[in-house]
Amino acid sequence: MAAPRPLSRFWEWGKNIVCVGRNYAEHAREMRSAVPREPVLFLKPSSAYAPEGAPVLMPAYTRDLQHELELGVVLGRRSRAVPEAAAMDCVAGYALCLDMTARDVQDECKKKGLPWTLAKGFTASCPVSAFVPRDKISDPHNLKLWLKVNGELRQEGDTSSMIFSIPYIISYVSKIMTLEEGDIILTGTPKGVGPVKENDEIRAGIHGVVSMRCRVERPEY
């Protein structure tokens, strides 16, 4: 029998990274985008994971790499067409995540009506903090998120400002695709997204819960 896979290291074996775009109204406005009536979804590959201490790798094809700070929800069971009322039973825990985005590439993709894969799905584009078990967070809709670049506060937001709640998102996504144990859902970013450059240090946290840091590097290839 195969050894059990620890959820505390979900990034080593989790299959899917499902991301929700524009889930904070102020971020939608700063992107000059309409506030969505239903969740905007996109995916990252599992090779996007960069656990605590690993660098963010800045693709050679972007001149505008930006940070997006997000609460990640880690699934603890296989979930398909889950009712909203039962959705939180599927949650194993949480992680702080960064949805690193090649903004100039994303802007071009938007103009051409193309998917965002080049802008969002590159290697090490999803730094994650240590796993936080569900029982350590009594209310995931009452958390304060923050992010600093080289010591300067860039992003600060409250998960209470999400447009779509965590149970709504889980239910919505699970009716489109089956979610597996170890999968993670990134629940959107508050306002304040901005650029980083090579050698910048990013520090981020959920106030009173967990923090993380990473450095921006150019890949060697």
Protein backbone atom coordinates (compact mmCIF):
# COMPACT_ATOMS: atom_id res chain seq x y z
CA MET A 1 0.00 0.00 0.00
CA ALA A 2 1.28 3.45 -0.91
CA ALA A 3 2.29 5.71 1.95
CA PRO A 4 -0.22 8.45 2.77
CA ARG A 5 0.52 11.80 1.19
CA PRO A 6 0.78 14.57 3.80
CA LEU A 7 -1.42 17.59 3.15
CA SER A 8 1.27 19.64 4.88
CA ARG A 9 3.26 19.18 1.64
CA PHE A 10 0.38 19.51 -0.82
CA TRP A 11 2.61 21.32 -3.35
CA GLU A 12 4.62 18.12 -3.90
CA TRP A 13 1.68 16.02 -5.10
CA GLY A 14 -1.44 18.16 -5.56
CA LYS A 15 -2.68 18.10 -9.15
CA ASN A 16 -4.65 21.26 -9.78
CA ILE A 17 -4.16 24.95 -9.05
CA VAL A 18 -7.48 26.64 -9.75
CA CYS A 19 -7.43 30.44 -9.69
CA VAL A 20 -10.28 32.92 -9.34
CA GLY A 21 -9.79 36.25 -11.09
CA ARG A 22 -11.25 39.62 -10.07
CA ASN A 23 -12.80 38.41 -6.79
CA TYR A 24 -12.24 41.76 -5.08
CA ALA A 25 -14.14 44.72 -6.54
CA GLU A 26 -11.32 47.24 -5.92
CA HIS A 27 -8.84 45.03 -7.76
CA ALA A 28 -11.24 44.70 -10.70
CA ARG A 29 -11.43 48.49 -10.83
CA GLU A 30 -7.65 48.96 -10.68
CA MET A 31 -7.40 46.56 -13.64
CA ARG A 32 -10.09 48.60 -15.42
CA SER A 33 -12.23 45.48 -15.62
CA ALA A 34 -15.89 44.91 -14.93
CA VAL A 35 -16.85 43.39 -11.59
CA PRO A 36 -17.82 39.81 -12.54
CA ARG A 37 -21.28 38.33 -12.06
CA GLU A 38 -19.84 34.83 -11.76
CA PRO A 39 -16.32 33.60 -10.93
CA VAL A 40 -13.61 34.09 -13.54
CA LEU A 41 -11.47 30.94 -13.57
CA PHE A 42 -8.06 30.00 -14.92
CA LEU A 43 -5.51 27.28 -14.13
CA LYS A 44 -1.83 27.03 -13.28
CA PRO A 45 0.19 23.82 -13.72
CA SER A 46 1.57 22.04 -10.66
CA SER A 47 5.08 23.08 -11.82
CA ALA A 48 4.06 26.63 -10.89
CA TYR A 49 4.46 25.80 -7.19
CA ALA A 50 7.36 27.47 -5.38
CA PRO A 51 7.35 26.44 -1.69
CA GLU A 52 8.65 28.64 1.11
CA GLY A 53 12.24 29.68 0.41
CA ALA A 54 12.21 28.85 -3.30
CA PRO A 55 12.66 31.77 -5.71
CA VAL A 56 10.12 33.33 -8.05
CA LEU A 57 11.47 32.78 -11.56
CA MET A 58 10.99 35.78 -13.85
CA PRO A 59 10.36 34.67 -17.44
CA ALA A 60 12.65 36.12 -20.09
CA TYR A 61 9.64 37.14 -22.18
CA THR A 62 8.19 39.64 -19.70
CA ARG A 63 9.22 43.17 -18.76
CA ASP A 64 6.45 43.61 -16.19
CA LEU A 65 6.23 40.82 -13.62
CA GLN A 66 3.65 41.65 -10.93
CA HIS A 67 2.65 40.23 -7.55
CA GLU A 68 -0.90 39.23 -6.65
CA LEU A 69 -1.49 38.20 -3.03
CA GLU A 70 -4.13 35.52 -2.42
CA LEU A 71 -5.63 33.19 0.15
CA GLY A 72 -5.37 29.60 -1.05
CA VAL A 73 -7.87 26.92 -0.01
CA VAL A 74 -6.48 23.36 0.09
CA LEU A 75 -8.95 20.54 -0.59
CA GLY A 76 -8.96 17.54 1.71
CA ARG A 77 -11.13 15.19 -0.32
CA ARG A 78 -12.31 14.43 -3.82
CA SER A 79 -15.16 16.81 -4.59
CA ARG A 80 -17.66 16.75 -7.41
CA ALA A 81 -20.82 18.91 -7.68
CA VAL A 82 -20.66 19.83 -4.00
CA PRO A 83 -23.63 21.83 -2.62
CA GLU A 84 -22.61 25.21 -1.27
CA ALA A 85 -23.91 24.29 2.19
CA ALA A 86 -21.51 21.32 2.36
CA ALA A 87 -18.52 22.92 0.64
CA MET A 88 -16.51 23.82 3.74
CA ASP A 89 -16.46 20.12 4.70
CA CYS A 90 -14.12 19.64 1.72
CA VAL A 91 -11.51 22.08 3.08
CA ALA A 92 -8.39 20.64 4.71
CA GLY A 93 -6.65 23.94 5.30
CA TYR A 94 -5.20 27.07 3.79
CA ALA A 95 -2.01 28.63 2.46
CA LEU A 96 -0.94 32.11 1.54
CA CYS A 97 -0.19 32.22 -2.19
CA LEU A 98 1.19 34.58 -4.79
CA ASP A 99 -0.25 34.56 -8.30
CA MET A 100 2.79 35.98 -10.10
CA THR A 101 1.66 37.50 -13.38
CA ALA A 102 3.46 38.70 -16.50
CA ARG A 103 1.20 41.73 -16.83
CA ASP A 104 2.45 42.93 -20.21
CA VAL A 105 1.89 39.45 -21.63
CA GLN A 106 -1.55 39.22 -20.04
CA ASP A 107 -2.52 42.59 -21.56
CA GLU A 108 -1.54 41.33 -25.02
CA CYS A 109 -3.47 38.09 -24.48
CA LYS A 110 -6.56 40.09 -23.49
CA LYS A 111 -6.30 42.26 -26.61
CA LYS A 112 -6.10 39.18 -28.83
CA GLY A 113 -8.77 37.21 -26.95
CA LEU A 114 -6.23 34.51 -26.04
CA PRO A 115 -5.91 32.42 -22.84
CA TRP A 116 -3.67 33.71 -20.06
CA THR A 117 -1.37 30.67 -19.86
CA LEU A 118 1.82 32.52 -20.89
CA ALA A 119 1.09 35.25 -18.36
CA LYS A 120 0.08 33.06 -15.43
CA GLY A 121 1.35 29.50 -15.90
CA PHE A 122 5.13 29.76 -16.01
CA THR A 123 7.42 27.77 -13.70
CA ALA A 124 7.51 29.03 -10.08
CA SER A 125 4.63 31.47 -10.68
CA CYS A 126 2.78 30.27 -7.56
CA PRO A 127 4.83 30.72 -4.37
CA VAL A 128 3.05 29.20 -1.37
CA SER A 129 3.46 29.46 2.39
CA ALA A 130 3.45 26.63 4.87
CA PHE A 131 0.17 24.71 5.11
CA VAL A 132 -2.28 26.02 7.72
CA PRO A 133 -4.75 23.37 9.02
CA ARG A 134 -8.41 24.33 8.87
CA ASP A 135 -8.82 24.36 12.65
CA LYS A 136 -6.20 27.14 12.94
CA ILE A 137 -8.48 29.58 11.09
CA SER A 138 -11.93 30.00 12.61
CA ASP A 139 -13.25 32.28 9.86
CA PRO A 140 -11.44 32.43 6.50
CA HIS A 141 -13.66 35.37 5.53
CA ASN A 142 -12.18 37.51 8.31
CA LEU A 143 -8.46 37.54 7.56
CA LYS A 144 -6.06 40.40 6.90
CA LEU A 145 -3.56 39.82 4.08
CA TRP A 146 -0.43 41.89 3.49
CA LEU A 147 2.53 41.98 1.13
CA LYS A 148 5.76 43.99 1.12
CA VAL A 149 8.44 44.36 -1.54
CA ASN A 150 11.88 45.28 -0.17
CA GLY A 151 10.18 46.36 3.06
CA GLU A 152 7.60 48.63 1.36
CA LEU A 153 3.96 47.77 1.99
CA ARG A 154 2.31 47.12 -1.39
CA GLN A 155 -0.86 45.12 -0.74
CA GLU A 156 -3.18 44.99 2.23
CA GLY A 157 -6.69 43.58 2.16
CA ASP A 158 -9.42 41.77 4.04
CA THR A 159 -10.91 38.49 2.87
CA SER A 160 -14.28 39.85 3.99
CA SER A 161 -14.18 41.91 0.77
CA MET A 162 -14.35 38.87 -1.52
CA ILE A 163 -17.18 39.06 -4.05
CA PHE A 164 -17.70 35.29 -4.07
CA SER A 165 -17.36 33.37 -0.80
CA ILE A 166 -15.18 30.30 -0.36
CA PRO A 167 -18.10 27.82 -0.19
CA TYR A 168 -19.67 29.41 -3.27
CA ILE A 169 -16.37 29.11 -5.18
CA ILE A 170 -15.81 25.48 -4.16
CA SER A 171 -19.35 24.55 -5.17
CA TYR A 172 -19.10 26.47 -8.45
CA VAL A 173 -15.74 24.97 -9.45
CA SER A 174 -16.72 21.43 -8.42
CA LYS A 175 -19.69 21.55 -10.79
CA ILE A 176 -17.28 22.25 -13.67
CA MET A 177 -14.32 20.02 -12.80
CA THR A 178 -13.75 17.32 -10.21
CA LEU A 179 -11.49 18.59 -7.46
CA GLU A 180 -9.01 16.17 -5.93
CA GLU A 181 -7.45 15.89 -2.50
CA GLY A 182 -4.44 18.20 -2.40
CA ASP A 183 -5.79 20.60 -5.02
CA ILE A 184 -5.74 24.31 -4.17
CA ILE A 185 -8.06 27.16 -5.10
CA LEU A 186 -6.61 30.68 -5.15
CA THR A 187 -9.44 32.99 -4.15
CA GLY A 188 -8.41 36.27 -5.79
CA THR A 189 -6.27 39.25 -4.91
CA PRO A 190 -7.08 42.54 -3.18
CA LYS A 191 -6.03 45.85 -4.69
CA GLY A 192 -2.43 47.02 -4.81
CA VAL A 193 -0.88 44.65 -7.34
CA GLY A 194 2.40 45.95 -8.70
CA PRO A 195 5.73 45.22 -10.38
CA VAL A 196 8.78 43.42 -9.08
CA LYS A 197 12.24 43.10 -10.59
CA GLU A 198 15.18 40.74 -10.32
CA ASN A 199 16.61 40.46 -6.78
CA ASP A 200 13.56 42.02 -5.12
CA GLU A 201 12.52 40.40 -1.84
CA ILE A 202 8.82 39.71 -1.34
CA ARG A 203 7.41 39.18 2.15
CA ALA A 204 3.76 38.40 2.68
CA GLY A 205 1.47 37.17 5.40
CA ILE A 206 -1.91 36.45 6.88
CA HIS A 207 -1.94 38.61 10.01
CA GLY A 208 -1.48 36.46 13.10
CA VAL A 209 -1.44 33.18 11.14
CA VAL A 210 1.45 32.65 8.72
CA SER A 211 4.06 34.54 6.73
CA MET A 212 6.36 33.79 3.81
CA ARG A 213 9.18 35.31 1.81
CA CYS A 214 10.78 34.76 -1.56
CA ARG A 215 13.21 36.45 -3.90
CA VAL A 216 12.78 37.21 -7.59
CA GLU A 217 15.40 35.58 -9.83
CA ARG A 218 16.02 35.02 -13.51
CA PRO A 219 16.05 31.34 -14.53
CA GLU A 220 19.41 29.97 -15.66
CA TYR A 221 18.08 28.57 -18.93
